[in-house]
Amino acid sequence: MLLGAMFAMNAAEFASDPAYTTMVNEAQRLMLAGLQATSDYTSFHLGLIISSAANAGFFYLFIKSGLIPKLIAGWGLFVRYLS
């Protein structure tokens, strides 16, 4: 999620920079905007995958430790793999 915020701030900085508006043609500006959108999309989904894996590991540790009932920990692990 932090990467997505960083890319959004970079996009705002690019758009406000006078050098961005003085690019040679519209194709270069569109290419830069497309690259920004793709990298933002990728960083968001990569963050979701990593956080889901971390959450699944957390529930796995709950199953192994027995701190909470195994049914609840197993349900959390199962639901994490569905999303």
N, C-alpha and C. Protein backbone atom coordinates (compact mmCIF):
# COMPACT_ATOMS: atom_id res chain seq x y z
N MET A 1 0.81 -1.18 0.00
CA MET A 1 0.00 0.00 0.00
C MET A 1 0.86 1.26 0.00
N LEU A 2 1.98 1.14 0.67
CA LEU A 2 2.88 2.28 0.72
C LEU A 2 3.43 2.60 -0.67
N LEU A 3 3.68 1.55 -1.45
CA LEU A 3 4.18 1.77 -2.80
C LEU A 3 3.15 2.51 -3.65
N GLY A 4 1.87 2.17 -3.49
CA GLY A 4 0.81 2.84 -4.23
C GLY A 4 0.75 4.32 -3.89
N ALA A 5 0.91 4.64 -2.62
CA ALA A 5 0.91 6.04 -2.20
C ALA A 5 2.10 6.78 -2.77
N MET A 6 3.25 6.10 -2.82
CA MET A 6 4.45 6.71 -3.38
C MET A 6 4.26 7.01 -4.87
N PHE A 7 3.67 6.06 -5.60
CA PHE A 7 3.45 6.27 -7.02
C PHE A 7 2.44 7.39 -7.25
N ALA A 8 1.43 7.49 -6.40
CA ALA A 8 0.45 8.57 -6.55
C ALA A 8 1.10 9.93 -6.32
N MET A 9 1.99 10.01 -5.33
CA MET A 9 2.69 11.28 -5.09
C MET A 9 3.62 11.61 -6.25
N ASN A 10 4.25 10.59 -6.82
CA ASN A 10 5.11 10.84 -7.98
C ASN A 10 4.30 11.33 -9.16
N ALA A 11 3.11 10.79 -9.36
CA ALA A 11 2.26 11.22 -10.47
C ALA A 11 1.87 12.68 -10.30
N ALA A 12 1.54 13.08 -9.08
CA ALA A 12 1.18 14.47 -8.83
C ALA A 12 2.38 15.39 -9.06
N GLU A 13 3.56 14.91 -8.69
CA GLU A 13 4.76 15.71 -8.91
C GLU A 13 5.06 15.85 -10.40
N PHE A 14 4.90 14.76 -11.15
CA PHE A 14 5.12 14.84 -12.60
C PHE A 14 4.16 15.81 -13.25
N ALA A 15 2.89 15.72 -12.87
CA ALA A 15 1.88 16.56 -13.52
C ALA A 15 2.09 18.04 -13.21
N SER A 16 2.64 18.35 -12.04
CA SER A 16 2.83 19.76 -11.69
C SER A 16 4.17 20.32 -12.17
N ASP A 17 5.04 19.45 -12.66
CA ASP A 17 6.35 19.89 -13.11
C ASP A 17 6.24 20.57 -14.48
N PRO A 18 6.81 21.74 -14.65
CA PRO A 18 6.75 22.43 -15.95
C PRO A 18 7.41 21.62 -17.08
N ALA A 19 8.39 20.79 -16.75
CA ALA A 19 9.04 19.98 -17.78
C ALA A 19 8.07 18.98 -18.39
N TYR A 20 7.09 18.53 -17.60
CA TYR A 20 6.09 17.58 -18.11
C TYR A 20 5.26 18.20 -19.22
N THR A 21 4.92 19.46 -19.07
CA THR A 21 4.08 20.12 -20.08
C THR A 21 4.87 20.55 -21.31
N THR A 22 6.20 20.55 -21.23
CA THR A 22 6.99 20.97 -22.38
C THR A 22 7.57 19.79 -23.15
N MET A 23 7.04 18.57 -22.91
CA MET A 23 7.50 17.41 -23.68
C MET A 23 7.19 17.63 -25.15
N VAL A 24 7.94 16.97 -25.97
CA VAL A 24 7.89 17.23 -27.41
C VAL A 24 6.49 16.98 -27.98
N ASN A 25 5.89 15.86 -27.66
CA ASN A 25 4.58 15.60 -28.27
C ASN A 25 3.65 14.93 -27.26
N GLU A 26 2.41 14.80 -27.68
CA GLU A 26 1.37 14.21 -26.83
C GLU A 26 1.62 12.73 -26.58
N ALA A 27 2.23 12.04 -27.52
CA ALA A 27 2.49 10.60 -27.35
C ALA A 27 3.41 10.34 -26.16
N GLN A 28 4.40 11.19 -25.96
CA GLN A 28 5.28 11.02 -24.81
C GLN A 28 4.55 11.24 -23.49
N ARG A 29 3.68 12.23 -23.48
CA ARG A 29 2.90 12.47 -22.26
C ARG A 29 1.96 11.31 -21.98
N LEU A 30 1.33 10.76 -23.00
CA LEU A 30 0.44 9.62 -22.82
C LEU A 30 1.21 8.38 -22.38
N MET A 31 2.41 8.20 -22.93
CA MET A 31 3.22 7.05 -22.53
C MET A 31 3.60 7.15 -21.05
N LEU A 32 3.98 8.32 -20.59
CA LEU A 32 4.33 8.51 -19.19
C LEU A 32 3.12 8.31 -18.28
N ALA A 33 1.96 8.80 -18.70
CA ALA A 33 0.75 8.60 -17.90
C ALA A 33 0.36 7.13 -17.85
N GLY A 34 0.51 6.42 -18.97
CA GLY A 34 0.21 4.99 -18.99
C GLY A 34 1.16 4.19 -18.13
N LEU A 35 2.42 4.56 -18.14
CA LEU A 35 3.41 3.90 -17.29
C LEU A 35 3.09 4.13 -15.82
N GLN A 36 2.68 5.33 -15.49
CA GLN A 36 2.31 5.65 -14.12
C GLN A 36 1.10 4.82 -13.69
N ALA A 37 0.08 4.74 -14.52
CA ALA A 37 -1.13 3.98 -14.17
C ALA A 37 -0.81 2.50 -14.00
N THR A 38 0.03 1.95 -14.88
CA THR A 38 0.38 0.54 -14.79
C THR A 38 1.18 0.24 -13.54
N SER A 39 2.12 1.08 -13.20
CA SER A 39 2.93 0.84 -12.01
C SER A 39 2.10 1.00 -10.74
N ASP A 40 1.16 1.93 -10.74
CA ASP A 40 0.30 2.11 -9.57
C ASP A 40 -0.59 0.89 -9.39
N TYR A 41 -1.16 0.40 -10.48
CA TYR A 41 -2.02 -0.78 -10.45
C TYR A 41 -1.23 -1.99 -9.96
N THR A 42 -0.02 -2.15 -10.45
CA THR A 42 0.81 -3.29 -10.07
C THR A 42 1.20 -3.22 -8.60
N SER A 43 1.59 -2.06 -8.12
CA SER A 43 2.01 -1.95 -6.72
C SER A 43 0.84 -2.20 -5.78
N PHE A 44 -0.35 -1.77 -6.15
CA PHE A 44 -1.53 -2.00 -5.31
C PHE A 44 -1.80 -3.49 -5.18
N HIS A 45 -1.81 -4.20 -6.30
CA HIS A 45 -2.13 -5.62 -6.25
C HIS A 45 -1.00 -6.45 -5.65
N LEU A 46 0.22 -6.03 -5.82
CA LEU A 46 1.33 -6.72 -5.16
C LEU A 46 1.20 -6.58 -3.64
N GLY A 47 0.80 -5.41 -3.18
CA GLY A 47 0.58 -5.20 -1.76
C GLY A 47 -0.54 -6.08 -1.22
N LEU A 48 -1.60 -6.27 -2.01
CA LEU A 48 -2.68 -7.16 -1.58
C LEU A 48 -2.21 -8.60 -1.45
N ILE A 49 -1.42 -9.05 -2.39
CA ILE A 49 -0.93 -10.43 -2.37
C ILE A 49 -0.01 -10.65 -1.16
N ILE A 50 0.89 -9.72 -0.93
CA ILE A 50 1.82 -9.86 0.19
C ILE A 50 1.08 -9.81 1.53
N SER A 51 0.11 -8.92 1.67
CA SER A 51 -0.63 -8.85 2.93
C SER A 51 -1.50 -10.08 3.14
N SER A 52 -2.04 -10.64 2.07
CA SER A 52 -2.82 -11.88 2.19
C SER A 52 -1.95 -13.04 2.63
N ALA A 53 -0.76 -13.14 2.08
CA ALA A 53 0.16 -14.21 2.47
C ALA A 53 0.59 -14.03 3.94
N ALA A 54 0.83 -12.81 4.36
CA ALA A 54 1.21 -12.57 5.75
C ALA A 54 0.07 -12.92 6.70
N ASN A 55 -1.15 -12.58 6.31
CA ASN A 55 -2.31 -12.89 7.14
C ASN A 55 -2.52 -14.40 7.22
N ALA A 56 -2.33 -15.11 6.11
CA ALA A 56 -2.45 -16.57 6.13
C ALA A 56 -1.40 -17.18 7.05
N GLY A 57 -0.19 -16.66 7.02
CA GLY A 57 0.86 -17.14 7.92
C GLY A 57 0.50 -16.89 9.38
N PHE A 58 -0.12 -15.76 9.64
CA PHE A 58 -0.55 -15.42 10.99
C PHE A 58 -1.57 -16.44 11.50
N PHE A 59 -2.58 -16.78 10.69
CA PHE A 59 -3.58 -17.76 11.10
C PHE A 59 -2.99 -19.16 11.20
N TYR A 60 -2.00 -19.47 10.37
CA TYR A 60 -1.33 -20.76 10.48
C TYR A 60 -0.62 -20.88 11.83
N LEU A 61 0.02 -19.80 12.26
CA LEU A 61 0.66 -19.81 13.57
C LEU A 61 -0.37 -19.96 14.70
N PHE A 62 -1.54 -19.36 14.52
CA PHE A 62 -2.60 -19.55 15.50
C PHE A 62 -3.04 -21.00 15.59
N ILE A 63 -3.14 -21.67 14.44
CA ILE A 63 -3.51 -23.09 14.44
C ILE A 63 -2.47 -23.90 15.20
N LYS A 64 -1.20 -23.65 14.90
CA LYS A 64 -0.13 -24.42 15.54
C LYS A 64 0.01 -24.13 17.03
N SER A 65 -0.24 -22.90 17.44
CA SER A 65 -0.03 -22.55 18.85
C SER A 65 -1.18 -22.96 19.74
N GLY A 66 -2.38 -22.99 19.21
CA GLY A 66 -3.54 -23.34 20.01
C GLY A 66 -4.03 -22.22 20.91
N LEU A 67 -3.64 -20.98 20.66
CA LEU A 67 -4.07 -19.85 21.50
C LEU A 67 -5.56 -19.55 21.33
N ILE A 68 -6.08 -19.78 20.16
CA ILE A 68 -7.51 -19.63 19.92
C ILE A 68 -8.01 -20.97 19.38
N PRO A 69 -9.31 -21.21 19.44
CA PRO A 69 -9.82 -22.50 18.95
C PRO A 69 -9.41 -22.76 17.50
N LYS A 70 -9.07 -24.01 17.22
CA LYS A 70 -8.58 -24.38 15.89
C LYS A 70 -9.63 -24.12 14.81
N LEU A 71 -10.89 -24.21 15.15
CA LEU A 71 -11.95 -23.94 14.18
C LEU A 71 -11.90 -22.49 13.70
N ILE A 72 -11.73 -21.57 14.63
CA ILE A 72 -11.68 -20.15 14.27
C ILE A 72 -10.41 -19.85 13.47
N ALA A 73 -9.27 -20.38 13.92
CA ALA A 73 -8.02 -20.16 13.19
C ALA A 73 -8.08 -20.80 11.81
N GLY A 74 -8.66 -21.99 11.72
CA GLY A 74 -8.81 -22.65 10.42
C GLY A 74 -9.73 -21.88 9.49
N TRP A 75 -10.79 -21.30 10.05
CA TRP A 75 -11.71 -20.49 9.24
C TRP A 75 -10.98 -19.25 8.70
N GLY A 76 -10.19 -18.62 9.53
CA GLY A 76 -9.42 -17.45 9.07
C GLY A 76 -8.44 -17.82 7.98
N LEU A 77 -7.80 -18.97 8.10
CA LEU A 77 -6.86 -19.43 7.08
C LEU A 77 -7.59 -19.76 5.78
N PHE A 78 -8.74 -20.41 5.90
CA PHE A 78 -9.54 -20.77 4.72
C PHE A 78 -10.04 -19.53 3.99
N VAL A 79 -10.54 -18.57 4.72
CA VAL A 79 -11.08 -17.34 4.11
C VAL A 79 -9.96 -16.54 3.45
N ARG A 80 -8.76 -16.56 4.00
CA ARG A 80 -7.63 -15.84 3.42
C ARG A 80 -7.29 -16.40 2.05
N TYR A 81 -7.42 -17.70 1.88
CA TYR A 81 -7.11 -18.29 0.57
C TYR A 81 -8.22 -18.05 -0.44
N LEU A 82 -9.42 -17.72 0.02
CA LEU A 82 -10.51 -17.40 -0.90
C LEU A 82 -10.35 -16.02 -1.50
N SER A 83 -9.77 -15.10 -0.74
CA SER A 83 -9.68 -13.72 -1.23
C SER A 83 -8.45 -13.46 -2.02
